[in-house]
Each structure stands twice: as C-alpha cells, then as structure tokens.
Amino acid sequence: MLFVGIDGGVGVLAWTSADKALASGDYPILTRGDTTTRRGAKASVRFMSGAAGRGVTLDSGTVTLTLGDRVGARVRGSGLEPAAGRRAMLDAEFRPVPLARDSVACQ
C-alpha cells in the first residue's frame, strides 16, 4: 500500500508490503536495497532547510497501518541526511480516509 502526503515543499512517502494480504499492525522499516524481506515498509521524507530542499530515506523505525473501512498510517523512524551528515527523525501521521472500492474484482 502506498501513502503519499505533500504540503508545499514538504512530503512523506511510505510503501508497505507483505507476503500475504496487508493487515493492521506494525511494519518494520527496511533498507532501500532489501528485496528479500517479505513484510516491511520503505519510507522517505522531503523537507526544507531554509531555502534548500533536503531528503532522507529512512533506515530504521516502523510504519503502523490501521485498516478497516478507513485506512490510516503512522510513520516513525530516522535516516541519514546525506547533505548534513546527521540523522533526521520523522513522526508523521496519515489520517484515516475511506478506502476506494476496486471496479473489478481481483481474481
């Protein structure tokens, strides 16, 4: 499941995956190159530092999914900001929104 939140020059992107159907719960942040772990998430954030845009790919933390008639997520973690050489932390919440129905059944 892909989550994208953008406000001006700031944005968060989170992608969760599982070997079975996605379910509510915690998904550990995986490193960018991890292609073998079946259940996890990848996340990144873009933010402004003065007039400069910065970006961080998280390498630790958790994405917590809340699934039901509405879908929400919370992303908590950190990653190395290459331009500054220091760790940046993120705590972002995607408020629950209704899940759109597929027009064609998946079979």
C-alpha atoms as a PDB file:
ATOM      1  CA  MET A   1       0.000   0.000   0.000  1.00  0.00           C
ATOM      2  CA  LEU A   2       1.409   3.398  -0.967  1.00  0.00           C
ATOM      3  CA  PHE A   3       0.891   6.529   1.136  1.00  0.00           C
ATOM      4  CA  VAL A   4       1.870   9.993  -0.099  1.00  0.00           C
ATOM      5  CA  GLY A   5       1.427  13.237   1.803  1.00  0.00           C
ATOM      6  CA  ILE A   6       2.521  16.599   0.397  1.00  0.00           C
ATOM      7  CA  ASP A   7       2.240  20.113   1.794  1.00  0.00           C
ATOM      8  CA  GLY A   8       4.170  22.755  -0.106  1.00  0.00           C
ATOM      9  CA  GLY A   9       7.840  21.699  -0.250  1.00  0.00           C
ATOM     10  CA  VAL A  10       7.417  19.045   2.439  1.00  0.00           C
ATOM     11  CA  GLY A  11       6.342  15.471   1.758  1.00  0.00           C
ATOM     12  CA  VAL A  12       6.308  11.930   3.099  1.00  0.00           C
ATOM     13  CA  LEU A  13       6.154   8.729   1.077  1.00  0.00           C
ATOM     14  CA  ALA A  14       5.606   5.301   2.637  1.00  0.00           C
ATOM     15  CA  TRP A  15       5.167   1.933   0.929  1.00  0.00           C
ATOM     16  CA  THR A  16       4.167  -1.204   2.816  1.00  0.00           C
ATOM     17  CA  SER A  17       4.283  -4.779   1.600  1.00  0.00           C
ATOM     18  CA  ALA A  18       3.555  -8.232   2.978  1.00  0.00           C
ATOM     19  CA  ASP A  19       3.771 -11.794   1.722  1.00  0.00           C
ATOM     20  CA  LYS A  20       0.019 -12.155   2.383  1.00  0.00           C
ATOM     21  CA  ALA A  21      -2.797  -9.616   2.476  1.00  0.00           C
ATOM     22  CA  LEU A  22      -1.944  -6.411   4.318  1.00  0.00           C
ATOM     23  CA  ALA A  23      -3.313  -6.229   7.843  1.00  0.00           C
ATOM     24  CA  SER A  24      -3.354  -3.670  10.639  1.00  0.00           C
ATOM     25  CA  GLY A  25      -0.157  -3.620  12.639  1.00  0.00           C
ATOM     26  CA  ASP A  26       3.491  -2.637  12.613  1.00  0.00           C
ATOM     27  CA  TYR A  27       5.709  -2.961   9.557  1.00  0.00           C
ATOM     28  CA  PRO A  28       9.446  -2.505  10.194  1.00  0.00           C
ATOM     29  CA  ILE A  29      11.326  -0.012   8.028  1.00  0.00           C
ATOM     30  CA  LEU A  30      13.526  -1.872   5.555  1.00  0.00           C
ATOM     31  CA  THR A  31      16.688  -0.530   3.989  1.00  0.00           C
ATOM     32  CA  ARG A  32      16.369   0.662   0.420  1.00  0.00           C
ATOM     33  CA  GLY A  33      18.187  -2.339  -1.055  1.00  0.00           C
ATOM     34  CA  ASP A  34      16.253  -5.000   0.900  1.00  0.00           C
ATOM     35  CA  THR A  35      14.347  -7.048  -1.665  1.00  0.00           C
ATOM     36  CA  THR A  36      14.050 -10.309   0.264  1.00  0.00           C
ATOM     37  CA  THR A  37      12.176  -9.401   3.470  1.00  0.00           C
ATOM     38  CA  ARG A  38       8.509 -10.173   2.845  1.00  0.00           C
ATOM     39  CA  ARG A  39       6.824  -7.937   5.438  1.00  0.00           C
ATOM     40  CA  GLY A  40       8.019  -4.375   5.860  1.00  0.00           C
ATOM     41  CA  ALA A  41       7.919  -0.800   4.694  1.00  0.00           C
ATOM     42  CA  LYS A  42      10.072   1.736   2.943  1.00  0.00           C
ATOM     43  CA  ALA A  43       9.712   5.429   3.663  1.00  0.00           C
ATOM     44  CA  SER A  44      11.265   8.750   2.752  1.00  0.00           C
ATOM     45  CA  VAL A  45      10.715  12.394   3.599  1.00  0.00           C
ATOM     46  CA  ARG A  46      11.426  15.677   1.807  1.00  0.00           C
ATOM     47  CA  PHE A  47      11.697  18.854   3.840  1.00  0.00           C
ATOM     48  CA  MET A  48      13.013  22.386   3.589  1.00  0.00           C
ATOM     49  CA  SER A  49      16.040  23.685   5.463  1.00  0.00           C
ATOM     50  CA  GLY A  50      15.934  27.407   4.813  1.00  0.00           C
ATOM     51  CA  ALA A  51      15.617  27.730   1.040  1.00  0.00           C
ATOM     52  CA  ALA A  52      17.213  24.339   0.361  1.00  0.00           C
ATOM     53  CA  GLY A  53      15.208  21.179  -0.190  1.00  0.00           C
ATOM     54  CA  ARG A  54      16.501  18.119   1.673  1.00  0.00           C
ATOM     55  CA  GLY A  55      15.602  14.446   1.504  1.00  0.00           C
ATOM     56  CA  VAL A  56      16.031  11.432   3.756  1.00  0.00           C
ATOM     57  CA  THR A  57      15.358   7.751   3.173  1.00  0.00           C
ATOM     58  CA  LEU A  58      14.505   6.128   6.486  1.00  0.00           C
ATOM     59  CA  ASP A  59      16.657   3.164   7.502  1.00  0.00           C
ATOM     60  CA  SER A  60      15.080   2.378  10.880  1.00  0.00           C
ATOM     61  CA  GLY A  61      11.681   2.689  12.507  1.00  0.00           C
ATOM     62  CA  THR A  62       8.138   1.474  11.981  1.00  0.00           C
ATOM     63  CA  VAL A  63       5.098   2.109   9.807  1.00  0.00           C
ATOM     64  CA  THR A  64       1.891   1.309  11.683  1.00  0.00           C
ATOM     65  CA  LEU A  65      -1.136   0.560   9.494  1.00  0.00           C
ATOM     66  CA  THR A  66      -4.735   0.904  10.627  1.00  0.00           C
ATOM     67  CA  LEU A  67      -7.021  -0.923   8.198  1.00  0.00           C
ATOM     68  CA  GLY A  68     -10.804  -1.249   8.230  1.00  0.00           C
ATOM     69  CA  ASP A  69     -13.490   0.772   6.495  1.00  0.00           C
ATOM     70  CA  ARG A  70     -10.886   3.556   6.648  1.00  0.00           C
ATOM     71  CA  VAL A  71      -7.133   3.375   6.058  1.00  0.00           C
ATOM     72  CA  GLY A  72      -4.531   5.266   8.054  1.00  0.00           C
ATOM     73  CA  ALA A  73      -0.838   5.059   8.825  1.00  0.00           C
ATOM     74  CA  ARG A  74       1.785   6.440  11.155  1.00  0.00           C
ATOM     75  CA  VAL A  75       5.426   6.591  10.111  1.00  0.00           C
ATOM     76  CA  ARG A  76       8.104   6.837  12.815  1.00  0.00           C
ATOM     77  CA  GLY A  77      11.774   6.458  12.107  1.00  0.00           C
ATOM     78  CA  SER A  78      15.071   8.015  11.172  1.00  0.00           C
ATOM     79  CA  GLY A  79      17.637   8.093   8.423  1.00  0.00           C
ATOM     80  CA  LEU A  80      20.913   9.715   7.490  1.00  0.00           C
ATOM     81  CA  GLU A  81      20.613  13.091   5.787  1.00  0.00           C
ATOM     82  CA  PRO A  82      23.480  12.989   3.277  1.00  0.00           C
ATOM     83  CA  ALA A  83      23.891  16.765   2.839  1.00  0.00           C
ATOM     84  CA  ALA A  84      24.334  17.454   6.561  1.00  0.00           C
ATOM     85  CA  GLY A  85      25.815  14.105   7.613  1.00  0.00           C
ATOM     86  CA  ARG A  86      23.451  13.730  10.545  1.00  0.00           C
ATOM     87  CA  ARG A  87      20.382  11.676  11.409  1.00  0.00           C
ATOM     88  CA  ALA A  88      16.947  13.138  10.786  1.00  0.00           C
ATOM     89  CA  MET A  89      13.890  11.843  12.643  1.00  0.00           C
ATOM     90  CA  LEU A  90      10.331  11.599  11.338  1.00  0.00           C
ATOM     91  CA  ASP A  91       6.982  11.156  13.075  1.00  0.00           C
ATOM     92  CA  ALA A  92       4.166  11.571  10.543  1.00  0.00           C
ATOM     93  CA  GLU A  93       0.523  10.531  10.588  1.00  0.00           C
ATOM     94  CA  PHE A  94      -1.739   9.826   7.645  1.00  0.00           C
ATOM     95  CA  ARG A  95      -5.238  10.400   8.970  1.00  0.00           C
ATOM     96  CA  PRO A  96      -7.728   7.626   8.193  1.00  0.00           C
ATOM     97  CA  VAL A  97      -9.563   8.035   4.881  1.00  0.00           C
ATOM     98  CA  PRO A  98     -12.141   5.786   3.211  1.00  0.00           C
ATOM     99  CA  LEU A  99     -10.657   3.091   1.009  1.00  0.00           C
ATOM    100  CA  ALA A 100     -11.910   3.332  -2.573  1.00  0.00           C
ATOM    101  CA  ARG A 101     -13.506   0.177  -3.954  1.00  0.00           C
ATOM    102  CA  ASP A 102     -11.964  -1.597  -6.924  1.00  0.00           C
ATOM    103  CA  SER A 103     -14.089  -1.509 -10.051  1.00  0.00           C
ATOM    104  CA  VAL A 104     -13.022  -5.067 -10.933  1.00  0.00           C
ATOM    105  CA  ALA A 105     -12.694  -7.963  -8.522  1.00  0.00           C
ATOM    106  CA  CYS A 106      -9.152  -9.291  -8.101  1.00  0.00           C
ATOM    107  CA  GLN A 107      -9.146 -12.983  -9.029  1.00  0.00           C
END
